[in-house]
Protein backbone atom coordinates (compact mmCIF):
# COMPACT_ATOMS: atom_id res chain seq x y z
CA MET A 1 14.23 -13.90 16.22
CA GLU A 2 11.29 -11.92 14.87
CA SER A 3 10.65 -12.29 11.17
CA ARG A 4 10.62 -9.18 9.05
CA LYS A 5 7.29 -7.63 8.21
CA THR A 6 6.10 -7.67 4.62
CA ILE A 7 5.12 -4.53 2.74
CA LEU A 8 3.20 -4.90 -0.52
CA ILE A 9 3.85 -1.98 -2.87
CA CYS A 10 1.28 -1.53 -5.65
CA ASP A 11 2.24 1.07 -8.26
CA ASP A 12 2.55 0.87 -12.03
CA GLU A 13 5.72 3.00 -12.12
CA PRO A 14 8.91 0.98 -11.39
CA ALA A 15 10.83 4.13 -10.40
CA LEU A 16 8.20 5.01 -7.83
CA ARG A 17 8.17 1.49 -6.40
CA GLU A 18 11.94 1.79 -6.02
CA LEU A 19 11.60 5.19 -4.31
CA ILE A 20 9.00 3.79 -1.91
CA ARG A 21 11.29 0.84 -1.08
CA ALA A 22 14.21 3.20 -0.49
CA SER A 23 12.07 5.45 1.72
CA VAL A 24 10.74 2.65 3.91
CA ASP A 25 13.51 0.06 3.68
CA ASP A 26 14.81 -0.81 7.09
CA GLY A 27 14.16 -4.37 8.04
CA TYR A 28 11.09 -4.91 5.87
CA ARG A 29 10.54 -7.47 3.14
CA PHE A 30 8.93 -6.16 -0.02
CA ALA A 31 6.63 -7.54 -2.65
CA GLU A 32 5.64 -5.48 -5.66
CA ALA A 33 2.72 -5.38 -8.04
CA SER A 34 2.40 -3.19 -11.12
CA ASP A 35 -1.38 -3.51 -11.54
CA GLY A 36 -4.51 -4.06 -9.49
CA ILE A 37 -4.98 -7.73 -10.37
CA GLY A 38 -1.38 -8.51 -9.37
CA ALA A 39 -1.85 -6.54 -6.16
CA LEU A 40 -4.83 -8.68 -5.14
CA GLU A 41 -3.09 -11.92 -6.08
CA LEU A 42 0.00 -11.03 -4.05
CA ALA A 43 -2.07 -9.80 -1.10
CA ARG A 44 -3.94 -13.12 -1.00
CA GLU A 45 -0.73 -15.11 -1.33
CA LEU A 46 1.39 -13.17 1.19
CA ASN A 47 -1.10 -11.65 3.66
CA PRO A 48 1.19 -8.59 4.00
CA ASP A 49 1.53 -6.46 7.12
CA VAL A 50 0.93 -3.22 5.19
CA VAL A 51 -0.16 -2.42 1.62
CA ILE A 52 1.01 0.77 -0.10
CA LEU A 53 -1.48 1.34 -2.90
CA ASP A 54 -1.57 3.80 -5.78
CA LEU A 55 -5.04 4.73 -7.06
CA MET A 56 -4.11 4.88 -10.74
CA LEU A 57 -3.41 1.26 -11.59
CA PRO A 58 -3.98 -0.70 -14.81
CA ARG A 59 -6.45 -3.61 -14.95
CA LEU A 60 -8.11 -2.73 -11.62
CA SER A 61 -8.06 0.68 -9.94
CA GLY A 62 -6.64 1.23 -6.49
CA LEU A 63 -10.13 1.96 -5.14
CA GLU A 64 -11.34 -1.38 -6.53
CA VAL A 65 -8.36 -3.14 -4.96
CA LEU A 66 -9.12 -1.43 -1.64
CA ALA A 67 -12.77 -2.51 -1.82
CA ARG A 68 -11.83 -6.12 -2.58
CA LEU A 69 -9.27 -6.20 0.24
CA ASN A 70 -11.96 -4.93 2.62
CA ASP A 71 -14.39 -7.60 1.35
CA ASP A 72 -11.86 -10.38 1.98
CA GLU A 73 -12.25 -11.72 5.51
CA ARG A 74 -8.55 -12.67 5.69
CA LEU A 75 -7.27 -9.31 4.40
CA ARG A 76 -9.73 -6.72 5.70
CA ASN A 77 -7.54 -5.93 8.72
CA VAL A 78 -4.38 -5.33 6.67
CA PRO A 79 -3.72 -1.58 6.82
CA VAL A 80 -3.65 0.12 3.43
CA VAL A 81 -1.79 3.38 2.76
CA VAL A 82 -3.08 5.05 -0.38
CA ILE A 83 -0.46 7.07 -2.21
CA THR A 84 -1.70 9.34 -4.97
CA ALA A 85 -1.35 12.73 -6.61
CA TRP A 86 -5.09 13.33 -6.16
CA ASN A 87 -5.25 15.16 -2.85
CA GLU A 88 -8.98 15.85 -3.30
CA THR A 89 -9.74 12.13 -2.94
CA ARG A 90 -8.43 11.95 0.64
CA GLU A 91 -11.84 11.83 2.37
CA ASP A 92 -13.24 9.32 -0.14
CA VAL A 93 -10.23 7.03 0.25
CA LEU A 94 -10.34 7.11 4.04
CA ALA A 95 -14.11 6.49 3.94
CA ALA A 96 -13.44 3.52 1.63
CA GLY A 97 -11.31 1.90 4.32
CA ALA A 98 -7.75 3.10 3.81
CA ALA A 99 -5.75 3.40 7.04
CA ASP A 100 -3.88 6.49 5.84
CA PHE A 101 -3.26 8.69 2.81
CA VAL A 102 -0.01 10.13 1.43
CA THR A 103 0.08 12.56 -1.49
CA LYS A 104 2.57 12.44 -4.35
CA PRO A 105 5.16 13.75 -4.49
CA PHE A 106 5.58 12.29 -1.03
CA ASP A 107 7.90 13.12 1.82
CA PRO A 108 9.96 9.93 2.33
CA GLU A 109 10.16 10.52 6.08
CA ARG A 110 6.38 10.89 6.39
CA LEU A 111 5.82 7.70 4.39
CA ARG A 112 8.28 5.87 6.62
CA GLU A 113 6.52 7.10 9.77
CA VAL A 114 3.11 6.00 8.45
CA VAL A 115 4.37 2.53 7.47
CA ASP A 116 6.23 2.03 10.75
CA ARG A 117 3.12 3.02 12.73
CA LEU A 118 0.80 0.76 10.74
CA ALA A 119 3.23 -2.18 10.72
CA GLY A 120 3.68 -1.89 14.46
CA SER A 121 7.44 -1.40 14.10
């Protein structure tokens, strides 16, 4: 029996984390962080299959989290989906190493497709 893949959701808004879970939730395990420091700690602890990362996070921005994930030899291959209201940052985020980019408000079906593709499901 294959174990479920782990998705790390990093967003400071509990309602949005819940919406992301509901949009993607079919056979995945979830871990959640409400700030950048917590996101890094959980990523190092869990080595998730996909990270869904907001850019506007307390304590450490999403771009800083992305940079630190890419600098970590064990985590640099974990695909990161950046989810943000700032559409104009798309090119910068992809250049910084994100695997994909989803704008808020997001289409739940599109987010699901992106996560499934990146998780290999």
